[in-house]
């Protein structure tokens, strides 16, 4: 066997192994840390969606996928930017366009992760979680067991998430 044929066979096997490793490890590393099945409602004056889906939490991002008749009708990815059905916006533009206000950049992350908003302003503990009434912004935000409600009366925006068991 010539050195050329040996090198070609070794190189080909190495390339196949490398390609398989990249594909396998690439898929493996992007597995969610936590996923929840949810009923998700997102209602604004210009946008209205309410259906079942999943919230996937990864190390540095989250993703909301809502389905209707087995097809994804909303794919909302919260990373450095916020992408809605593959159209990406910086966070301030997303907030202005979809939440109708210039909230702070991480408000959507806080809502879907059940964290207090606006530095825990007016936070009151309840028997099942907490609530916030931010009067100057006309926002009522409540986390109670498996239900998240964000209601912005001033801008007519509602986000309601019910985790399914």
C-alpha atoms as a PDB file:
ATOM      1  CA  UNK A   1       0.000   0.000   0.000  1.00  0.00           C
ATOM      2  CA  UNK A   2       1.417   3.366  -0.925  1.00  0.00           C
ATOM      3  CA  UNK A   3       1.782   6.202   1.572  1.00  0.00           C
ATOM      4  CA  UNK A   4      -0.598   8.290  -0.557  1.00  0.00           C
ATOM      5  CA  UNK A   5      -3.442   5.732  -0.241  1.00  0.00           C
ATOM      6  CA  UNK A   6      -2.797   5.344   3.496  1.00  0.00           C
ATOM      7  CA  UNK A   7      -2.891   9.124   3.977  1.00  0.00           C
ATOM      8  CA  UNK A   8      -6.099   9.422   1.960  1.00  0.00           C
ATOM      9  CA  UNK A   9      -7.864   6.650   3.903  1.00  0.00           C
ATOM     10  CA  UNK A  10      -6.689   8.073   7.239  1.00  0.00           C
ATOM     11  CA  UNK A  11      -7.643  11.617   6.243  1.00  0.00           C
ATOM     12  CA  UNK A  12     -11.077  10.501   5.028  1.00  0.00           C
ATOM     13  CA  UNK A  13     -11.789   8.551   8.237  1.00  0.00           C
ATOM     14  CA  UNK A  14     -10.543  11.456  10.325  1.00  0.00           C
ATOM     15  CA  UNK A  15     -12.776  13.906   8.426  1.00  0.00           C
ATOM     16  CA  UNK A  16     -15.833  11.666   8.909  1.00  0.00           C
ATOM     17  CA  UNK A  17     -15.072  11.288  12.625  1.00  0.00           C
ATOM     18  CA  UNK A  18     -14.547  15.037  12.998  1.00  0.00           C
ATOM     19  CA  UNK A  19     -17.802  15.824  11.174  1.00  0.00           C
ATOM     20  CA  UNK A  20     -19.742  13.315  13.284  1.00  0.00           C
ATOM     21  CA  UNK A  21     -18.219  14.737  16.487  1.00  0.00           C
ATOM     22  CA  UNK A  22     -19.137  18.302  15.556  1.00  0.00           C
ATOM     23  CA  UNK A  23     -22.701  17.343  14.679  1.00  0.00           C
ATOM     24  CA  UNK A  24     -23.210  15.190  17.755  1.00  0.00           C
ATOM     25  CA  UNK A  25     -21.589  17.561  20.232  1.00  0.00           C
ATOM     26  CA  UNK A  26     -23.245  20.578  18.633  1.00  0.00           C
ATOM     27  CA  UNK A  27     -26.681  19.070  19.179  1.00  0.00           C
ATOM     28  CA  UNK A  28     -25.769  17.789  22.619  1.00  0.00           C
ATOM     29  CA  UNK A  29     -24.570  21.147  23.924  1.00  0.00           C
ATOM     30  CA  UNK A  30     -27.770  22.957  22.924  1.00  0.00           C
ATOM     31  CA  UNK A  31     -30.107  20.887  25.070  1.00  0.00           C
ATOM     32  CA  UNK A  32     -32.354  22.945  27.341  1.00  0.00           C
ATOM     33  CA  UNK A  33     -31.588  22.966  31.048  1.00  0.00           C
ATOM     34  CA  UNK A  34     -35.332  23.060  31.744  1.00  0.00           C
ATOM     35  CA  UNK A  35     -38.493  22.922  29.625  1.00  0.00           C
ATOM     36  CA  UNK A  36     -42.090  23.618  30.623  1.00  0.00           C
ATOM     37  CA  UNK A  37     -45.282  23.010  28.687  1.00  0.00           C
ATOM     38  CA  UNK A  38     -47.471  26.097  28.875  1.00  0.00           C
ATOM     39  CA  UNK A  39     -50.595  27.869  27.744  1.00  0.00           C
ATOM     40  CA  UNK A  40     -49.207  31.180  26.504  1.00  0.00           C
ATOM     41  CA  UNK A  41     -51.214  34.337  25.795  1.00  0.00           C
ATOM     42  CA  UNK A  42     -49.582  37.474  24.419  1.00  0.00           C
ATOM     43  CA  UNK A  43     -52.079  40.211  23.679  1.00  0.00           C
ATOM     44  CA  UNK A  44     -51.278  43.743  22.483  1.00  0.00           C
ATOM     45  CA  UNK A  45     -53.221  46.238  20.364  1.00  0.00           C
ATOM     46  CA  UNK A  46     -51.305  44.973  17.268  1.00  0.00           C
ATOM     47  CA  UNK A  47     -50.495  41.355  18.139  1.00  0.00           C
ATOM     48  CA  UNK A  48     -52.627  38.579  19.557  1.00  0.00           C
ATOM     49  CA  UNK A  49     -51.667  34.968  20.167  1.00  0.00           C
ATOM     50  CA  UNK A  50     -52.933  32.404  22.624  1.00  0.00           C
ATOM     51  CA  UNK A  51     -52.154  28.702  22.377  1.00  0.00           C
ATOM     52  CA  UNK A  52     -50.192  25.835  23.905  1.00  0.00           C
ATOM     53  CA  UNK A  53     -46.459  25.377  23.598  1.00  0.00           C
ATOM     54  CA  UNK A  54     -43.172  25.142  25.436  1.00  0.00           C
ATOM     55  CA  UNK A  55     -40.715  27.411  27.201  1.00  0.00           C
ATOM     56  CA  UNK A  56     -37.154  26.130  26.957  1.00  0.00           C
ATOM     57  CA  UNK A  57     -34.509  27.592  29.276  1.00  0.00           C
ATOM     58  CA  UNK A  58     -30.879  27.264  28.120  1.00  0.00           C
ATOM     59  CA  UNK A  59     -27.689  28.516  29.783  1.00  0.00           C
ATOM     60  CA  UNK A  60     -27.686  31.949  28.112  1.00  0.00           C
ATOM     61  CA  UNK A  61     -31.061  32.187  26.407  1.00  0.00           C
ATOM     62  CA  UNK A  62     -34.701  31.153  26.533  1.00  0.00           C
ATOM     63  CA  UNK A  63     -37.098  30.174  23.792  1.00  0.00           C
ATOM     64  CA  UNK A  64     -40.876  30.151  23.637  1.00  0.00           C
ATOM     65  CA  UNK A  65     -42.426  27.927  20.977  1.00  0.00           C
ATOM     66  CA  UNK A  66     -46.196  28.041  20.508  1.00  0.00           C
ATOM     67  CA  UNK A  67     -47.990  25.484  18.348  1.00  0.00           C
ATOM     68  CA  UNK A  68     -51.291  25.315  16.539  1.00  0.00           C
ATOM     69  CA  UNK A  69     -52.357  22.135  14.737  1.00  0.00           C
ATOM     70  CA  UNK A  70     -48.853  20.756  15.242  1.00  0.00           C
ATOM     71  CA  UNK A  71     -47.096  23.672  13.521  1.00  0.00           C
ATOM     72  CA  UNK A  72     -44.988  26.349  15.221  1.00  0.00           C
ATOM     73  CA  UNK A  73     -46.898  29.628  14.988  1.00  0.00           C
ATOM     74  CA  UNK A  74     -44.641  31.576  17.348  1.00  0.00           C
ATOM     75  CA  UNK A  75     -40.942  31.066  17.921  1.00  0.00           C
ATOM     76  CA  UNK A  76     -39.726  33.713  20.368  1.00  0.00           C
ATOM     77  CA  UNK A  77     -36.021  33.492  21.189  1.00  0.00           C
ATOM     78  CA  UNK A  78     -34.634  35.601  24.037  1.00  0.00           C
ATOM     79  CA  UNK A  79     -30.870  35.881  23.707  1.00  0.00           C
ATOM     80  CA  UNK A  80     -28.634  38.908  23.175  1.00  0.00           C
ATOM     81  CA  UNK A  81     -31.401  40.134  20.853  1.00  0.00           C
ATOM     82  CA  UNK A  82     -35.018  39.010  20.795  1.00  0.00           C
ATOM     83  CA  UNK A  83     -36.058  37.113  17.687  1.00  0.00           C
ATOM     84  CA  UNK A  84     -39.685  36.511  16.806  1.00  0.00           C
ATOM     85  CA  UNK A  85     -40.183  33.957  14.024  1.00  0.00           C
ATOM     86  CA  UNK A  86     -36.558  34.495  12.872  1.00  0.00           C
ATOM     87  CA  UNK A  87     -36.828  38.306  12.694  1.00  0.00           C
ATOM     88  CA  UNK A  88     -34.471  39.760  15.285  1.00  0.00           C
ATOM     89  CA  UNK A  89     -34.684  43.061  17.149  1.00  0.00           C
ATOM     90  CA  UNK A  90     -32.487  44.628  19.755  1.00  0.00           C
ATOM     91  CA  UNK A  91     -34.286  44.482  23.081  1.00  0.00           C
ATOM     92  CA  UNK A  92     -35.351  48.136  23.223  1.00  0.00           C
ATOM     93  CA  UNK A  93     -36.877  47.977  19.744  1.00  0.00           C
ATOM     94  CA  UNK A  94     -38.702  44.749  20.663  1.00  0.00           C
ATOM     95  CA  UNK A  95     -40.050  46.350  23.847  1.00  0.00           C
ATOM     96  CA  UNK A  96     -41.246  49.422  21.964  1.00  0.00           C
ATOM     97  CA  UNK A  97     -42.771  47.415  19.100  1.00  0.00           C
ATOM     98  CA  UNK A  98     -44.412  44.571  21.040  1.00  0.00           C
ATOM     99  CA  UNK A  99     -44.689  45.744  24.663  1.00  0.00           C
ATOM    100  CA  UNK A 100     -45.504  49.325  23.595  1.00  0.00           C
ATOM    101  CA  UNK A 101     -43.071  50.785  26.127  1.00  0.00           C
ATOM    102  CA  UNK A 102     -39.348  51.266  26.712  1.00  0.00           C
ATOM    103  CA  UNK A 103     -39.102  48.838  29.605  1.00  0.00           C
ATOM    104  CA  UNK A 104     -35.658  47.750  30.738  1.00  0.00           C
ATOM    105  CA  UNK A 105     -33.930  45.239  28.443  1.00  0.00           C
ATOM    106  CA  UNK A 106     -34.450  42.021  30.454  1.00  0.00           C
ATOM    107  CA  UNK A 107     -38.140  42.400  31.308  1.00  0.00           C
ATOM    108  CA  UNK A 108     -39.236  39.483  29.094  1.00  0.00           C
ATOM    109  CA  UNK A 109     -36.555  37.247  30.645  1.00  0.00           C
ATOM    110  CA  UNK A 110     -37.764  38.182  34.125  1.00  0.00           C
ATOM    111  CA  UNK A 111     -41.406  37.500  33.240  1.00  0.00           C
ATOM    112  CA  UNK A 112     -40.896  34.042  31.737  1.00  0.00           C
ATOM    113  CA  UNK A 113     -38.481  33.107  34.544  1.00  0.00           C
ATOM    114  CA  UNK A 114     -40.941  34.165  37.280  1.00  0.00           C
ATOM    115  CA  UNK A 115     -38.593  36.815  38.660  1.00  0.00           C
ATOM    116  CA  UNK A 116     -39.695  40.163  40.081  1.00  0.00           C
ATOM    117  CA  UNK A 117     -39.610  43.067  37.626  1.00  0.00           C
ATOM    118  CA  UNK A 118     -38.342  46.631  38.076  1.00  0.00           C
ATOM    119  CA  UNK A 119     -35.900  45.808  40.887  1.00  0.00           C
ATOM    120  CA  UNK A 120     -38.698  44.264  43.003  1.00  0.00           C
ATOM    121  CA  UNK A 121     -40.512  47.616  43.163  1.00  0.00           C
ATOM    122  CA  UNK A 122     -43.706  47.274  45.319  1.00  0.00           C
ATOM    123  CA  UNK A 123     -43.106  43.530  45.748  1.00  0.00           C
ATOM    124  CA  UNK A 124     -45.567  41.832  48.101  1.00  0.00           C
ATOM    125  CA  UNK A 125     -45.285  38.169  49.015  1.00  0.00           C
ATOM    126  CA  UNK A 126     -48.521  36.198  48.721  1.00  0.00           C
ATOM    127  CA  UNK A 127     -49.468  32.713  49.879  1.00  0.00           C
ATOM    128  CA  UNK A 128     -48.663  31.311  46.421  1.00  0.00           C
ATOM    129  CA  UNK A 129     -45.874  33.604  45.171  1.00  0.00           C
ATOM    130  CA  UNK A 130     -45.727  37.375  44.839  1.00  0.00           C
ATOM    131  CA  UNK A 131     -47.360  40.354  43.192  1.00  0.00           C
ATOM    132  CA  UNK A 132     -46.293  43.821  42.126  1.00  0.00           C
ATOM    133  CA  UNK A 133     -48.485  46.842  41.423  1.00  0.00           C
ATOM    134  CA  UNK A 134     -46.345  49.448  39.734  1.00  0.00           C
ATOM    135  CA  UNK A 135     -48.773  52.358  39.849  1.00  0.00           C
ATOM    136  CA  UNK A 136     -46.768  54.941  37.884  1.00  0.00           C
ATOM    137  CA  UNK A 137     -46.567  52.513  34.939  1.00  0.00           C
ATOM    138  CA  UNK A 138     -50.068  51.032  35.473  1.00  0.00           C
ATOM    139  CA  UNK A 139     -48.586  47.503  35.599  1.00  0.00           C
ATOM    140  CA  UNK A 140     -49.898  44.593  37.616  1.00  0.00           C
ATOM    141  CA  UNK A 141     -47.556  41.614  37.704  1.00  0.00           C
ATOM    142  CA  UNK A 142     -48.375  38.435  39.568  1.00  0.00           C
ATOM    143  CA  UNK A 143     -46.661  35.078  39.972  1.00  0.00           C
ATOM    144  CA  UNK A 144     -48.849  32.545  41.742  1.00  0.00           C
ATOM    145  CA  UNK A 145     -47.886  28.868  41.711  1.00  0.00           C
ATOM    146  CA  UNK A 146     -47.929  27.935  38.009  1.00  0.00           C
ATOM    147  CA  UNK A 147     -49.482  31.138  36.631  1.00  0.00           C
ATOM    148  CA  UNK A 148     -47.702  34.307  35.524  1.00  0.00           C
ATOM    149  CA  UNK A 149     -49.740  37.434  34.725  1.00  0.00           C
ATOM    150  CA  UNK A 150     -48.230  40.631  33.380  1.00  0.00           C
ATOM    151  CA  UNK A 151     -50.881  43.253  32.693  1.00  0.00           C
ATOM    152  CA  UNK A 152     -49.898  46.702  31.435  1.00  0.00           C
ATOM    153  CA  UNK A 153     -53.162  48.676  31.485  1.00  0.00           C
ATOM    154  CA  UNK A 154     -51.573  51.836  30.122  1.00  0.00           C
ATOM    155  CA  UNK A 155     -50.350  50.165  26.911  1.00  0.00           C
ATOM    156  CA  UNK A 156     -53.040  47.427  26.765  1.00  0.00           C
ATOM    157  CA  UNK A 157     -50.518  44.565  26.889  1.00  0.00           C
ATOM    158  CA  UNK A 158     -51.158  41.217  28.565  1.00  0.00           C
ATOM    159  CA  UNK A 159     -48.838  38.269  28.943  1.00  0.00           C
ATOM    160  CA  UNK A 160     -50.383  35.299  30.709  1.00  0.00           C
ATOM    161  CA  UNK A 161     -48.478  32.028  31.088  1.00  0.00           C
ATOM    162  CA  UNK A 162     -50.031  28.941  32.665  1.00  0.00           C
ATOM    163  CA  UNK A 163     -47.681  26.017  33.200  1.00  0.00           C
ATOM    164  CA  UNK A 164     -49.304  22.687  32.374  1.00  0.00           C
ATOM    165  CA  UNK A 165     -48.717  19.763  34.706  1.00  0.00           C
END
